[in-house]
């Protein structure tokens, strides 16, 4: 009567993170953009719609440095900022 379990029969295969997960910025390459975005949020009582330009700049920095997957800005919700017009007046 053996009660030993055989854990070696199945192996766990890790997979890359889902979209939206990305590595930390260990070297602070985009820290300036992050701080600018966070300051804008604090100054505007965390109303993120007022800080869309800062958010766009931060995401562009991350994509340029391979800290997140390259995505068209239109797919990230910045189509109006690319066309040069913003629906929300920028206070920052």
C-alpha atoms as a PDB file:
ATOM      1  CA  UNK A   1       0.000   0.000   0.000  1.00  0.00           C
ATOM      2  CA  UNK A   2       1.799   3.033  -1.237  1.00  0.00           C
ATOM      3  CA  UNK A   3       0.359   6.438  -0.509  1.00  0.00           C
ATOM      4  CA  UNK A   4       3.166   8.348  -2.215  1.00  0.00           C
ATOM      5  CA  UNK A   5       1.981  10.840  -4.779  1.00  0.00           C
ATOM      6  CA  UNK A   6       3.811  11.174  -8.029  1.00  0.00           C
ATOM      7  CA  UNK A   7       4.327  14.910  -8.591  1.00  0.00           C
ATOM      8  CA  UNK A   8       6.776  14.421 -11.429  1.00  0.00           C
ATOM      9  CA  UNK A   9       4.216  13.363 -14.022  1.00  0.00           C
ATOM     10  CA  UNK A  10       2.952  16.861 -14.816  1.00  0.00           C
ATOM     11  CA  UNK A  11       5.198  19.825 -15.281  1.00  0.00           C
ATOM     12  CA  UNK A  12       4.171  23.428 -14.873  1.00  0.00           C
ATOM     13  CA  UNK A  13       4.757  25.527 -17.980  1.00  0.00           C
ATOM     14  CA  UNK A  14       4.980  29.240 -17.139  1.00  0.00           C
ATOM     15  CA  UNK A  15       3.487  31.651 -19.630  1.00  0.00           C
ATOM     16  CA  UNK A  16       4.142  35.330 -20.241  1.00  0.00           C
ATOM     17  CA  UNK A  17       1.956  37.856 -18.390  1.00  0.00           C
ATOM     18  CA  UNK A  18      -1.367  38.861 -19.869  1.00  0.00           C
ATOM     19  CA  UNK A  19      -1.759  42.200 -21.594  1.00  0.00           C
ATOM     20  CA  UNK A  20      -1.635  44.954 -19.021  1.00  0.00           C
ATOM     21  CA  UNK A  21       1.101  43.307 -16.974  1.00  0.00           C
ATOM     22  CA  UNK A  22       4.561  44.674 -17.484  1.00  0.00           C
ATOM     23  CA  UNK A  23       7.945  44.680 -15.755  1.00  0.00           C
ATOM     24  CA  UNK A  24       8.814  47.189 -13.088  1.00  0.00           C
ATOM     25  CA  UNK A  25      10.996  50.135 -14.022  1.00  0.00           C
ATOM     26  CA  UNK A  26      13.946  49.000 -11.874  1.00  0.00           C
ATOM     27  CA  UNK A  27      16.348  51.559 -13.355  1.00  0.00           C
ATOM     28  CA  UNK A  28      13.953  54.518 -13.132  1.00  0.00           C
ATOM     29  CA  UNK A  29      14.050  55.148 -16.869  1.00  0.00           C
ATOM     30  CA  UNK A  30      10.534  56.613 -16.864  1.00  0.00           C
ATOM     31  CA  UNK A  31      10.535  57.997 -13.327  1.00  0.00           C
ATOM     32  CA  UNK A  32      10.371  61.614 -14.510  1.00  0.00           C
ATOM     33  CA  UNK A  33       7.206  60.874 -16.514  1.00  0.00           C
ATOM     34  CA  UNK A  34       5.688  58.909 -13.639  1.00  0.00           C
ATOM     35  CA  UNK A  35       6.343  61.737 -11.178  1.00  0.00           C
ATOM     36  CA  UNK A  36       4.862  64.296 -13.590  1.00  0.00           C
ATOM     37  CA  UNK A  37       1.741  62.131 -13.971  1.00  0.00           C
ATOM     38  CA  UNK A  38       1.387  61.601 -10.209  1.00  0.00           C
ATOM     39  CA  UNK A  39       1.816  65.344  -9.527  1.00  0.00           C
ATOM     40  CA  UNK A  40      -0.899  66.095 -12.068  1.00  0.00           C
ATOM     41  CA  UNK A  41      -3.220  63.586 -10.383  1.00  0.00           C
ATOM     42  CA  UNK A  42      -2.599  65.094  -6.934  1.00  0.00           C
ATOM     43  CA  UNK A  43      -3.073  68.648  -8.244  1.00  0.00           C
ATOM     44  CA  UNK A  44      -6.382  67.636  -9.854  1.00  0.00           C
ATOM     45  CA  UNK A  45      -7.810  65.628  -6.930  1.00  0.00           C
ATOM     46  CA  UNK A  46      -7.017  62.344  -8.734  1.00  0.00           C
ATOM     47  CA  UNK A  47      -9.285  63.154 -11.688  1.00  0.00           C
ATOM     48  CA  UNK A  48      -7.348  61.118 -14.241  1.00  0.00           C
ATOM     49  CA  UNK A  49      -9.183  62.587 -17.248  1.00  0.00           C
ATOM     50  CA  UNK A  50      -7.349  65.863 -16.580  1.00  0.00           C
ATOM     51  CA  UNK A  51      -3.947  64.152 -16.823  1.00  0.00           C
ATOM     52  CA  UNK A  52      -4.274  62.256 -20.094  1.00  0.00           C
ATOM     53  CA  UNK A  53      -1.289  63.977 -21.742  1.00  0.00           C
ATOM     54  CA  UNK A  54       0.945  62.953 -18.842  1.00  0.00           C
ATOM     55  CA  UNK A  55      -0.440  59.434 -18.956  1.00  0.00           C
ATOM     56  CA  UNK A  56       0.256  59.216 -22.702  1.00  0.00           C
ATOM     57  CA  UNK A  57       3.833  60.443 -22.236  1.00  0.00           C
ATOM     58  CA  UNK A  58       4.434  57.898 -19.474  1.00  0.00           C
ATOM     59  CA  UNK A  59       3.129  55.002 -21.559  1.00  0.00           C
ATOM     60  CA  UNK A  60       5.169  56.156 -24.563  1.00  0.00           C
ATOM     61  CA  UNK A  61       8.296  56.152 -22.376  1.00  0.00           C
ATOM     62  CA  UNK A  62       7.561  52.611 -21.193  1.00  0.00           C
ATOM     63  CA  UNK A  63       6.984  51.356 -24.730  1.00  0.00           C
ATOM     64  CA  UNK A  64      10.176  53.003 -26.045  1.00  0.00           C
ATOM     65  CA  UNK A  65      12.217  51.243 -23.347  1.00  0.00           C
ATOM     66  CA  UNK A  66      10.512  47.841 -23.776  1.00  0.00           C
ATOM     67  CA  UNK A  67       8.933  48.044 -20.314  1.00  0.00           C
ATOM     68  CA  UNK A  68       5.606  47.165 -21.887  1.00  0.00           C
ATOM     69  CA  UNK A  69       4.443  45.819 -25.221  1.00  0.00           C
ATOM     70  CA  UNK A  70       4.239  48.239 -28.128  1.00  0.00           C
ATOM     71  CA  UNK A  71       0.610  49.239 -28.676  1.00  0.00           C
ATOM     72  CA  UNK A  72      -0.871  51.862 -30.964  1.00  0.00           C
ATOM     73  CA  UNK A  73      -1.898  54.855 -28.874  1.00  0.00           C
ATOM     74  CA  UNK A  74      -5.335  54.686 -30.473  1.00  0.00           C
ATOM     75  CA  UNK A  75      -5.864  51.276 -28.843  1.00  0.00           C
ATOM     76  CA  UNK A  76      -4.853  52.734 -25.480  1.00  0.00           C
ATOM     77  CA  UNK A  77      -7.543  55.425 -25.701  1.00  0.00           C
ATOM     78  CA  UNK A  78      -5.460  58.387 -26.859  1.00  0.00           C
ATOM     79  CA  UNK A  79      -6.870  58.865 -30.373  1.00  0.00           C
ATOM     80  CA  UNK A  80      -8.068  62.401 -29.596  1.00  0.00           C
ATOM     81  CA  UNK A  81      -4.641  63.429 -28.275  1.00  0.00           C
ATOM     82  CA  UNK A  82      -2.885  62.145 -31.385  1.00  0.00           C
ATOM     83  CA  UNK A  83      -5.118  64.262 -33.601  1.00  0.00           C
ATOM     84  CA  UNK A  84      -3.972  67.282 -31.594  1.00  0.00           C
ATOM     85  CA  UNK A  85      -7.258  67.988 -29.865  1.00  0.00           C
ATOM     86  CA  UNK A  86      -8.185  67.016 -26.333  1.00  0.00           C
ATOM     87  CA  UNK A  87     -11.722  66.604 -25.063  1.00  0.00           C
ATOM     88  CA  UNK A  88     -10.651  67.666 -21.570  1.00  0.00           C
ATOM     89  CA  UNK A  89      -8.821  70.930 -20.981  1.00  0.00           C
ATOM     90  CA  UNK A  90      -5.369  70.298 -19.589  1.00  0.00           C
ATOM     91  CA  UNK A  91      -4.729  71.916 -16.208  1.00  0.00           C
ATOM     92  CA  UNK A  92      -1.214  70.525 -15.662  1.00  0.00           C
END
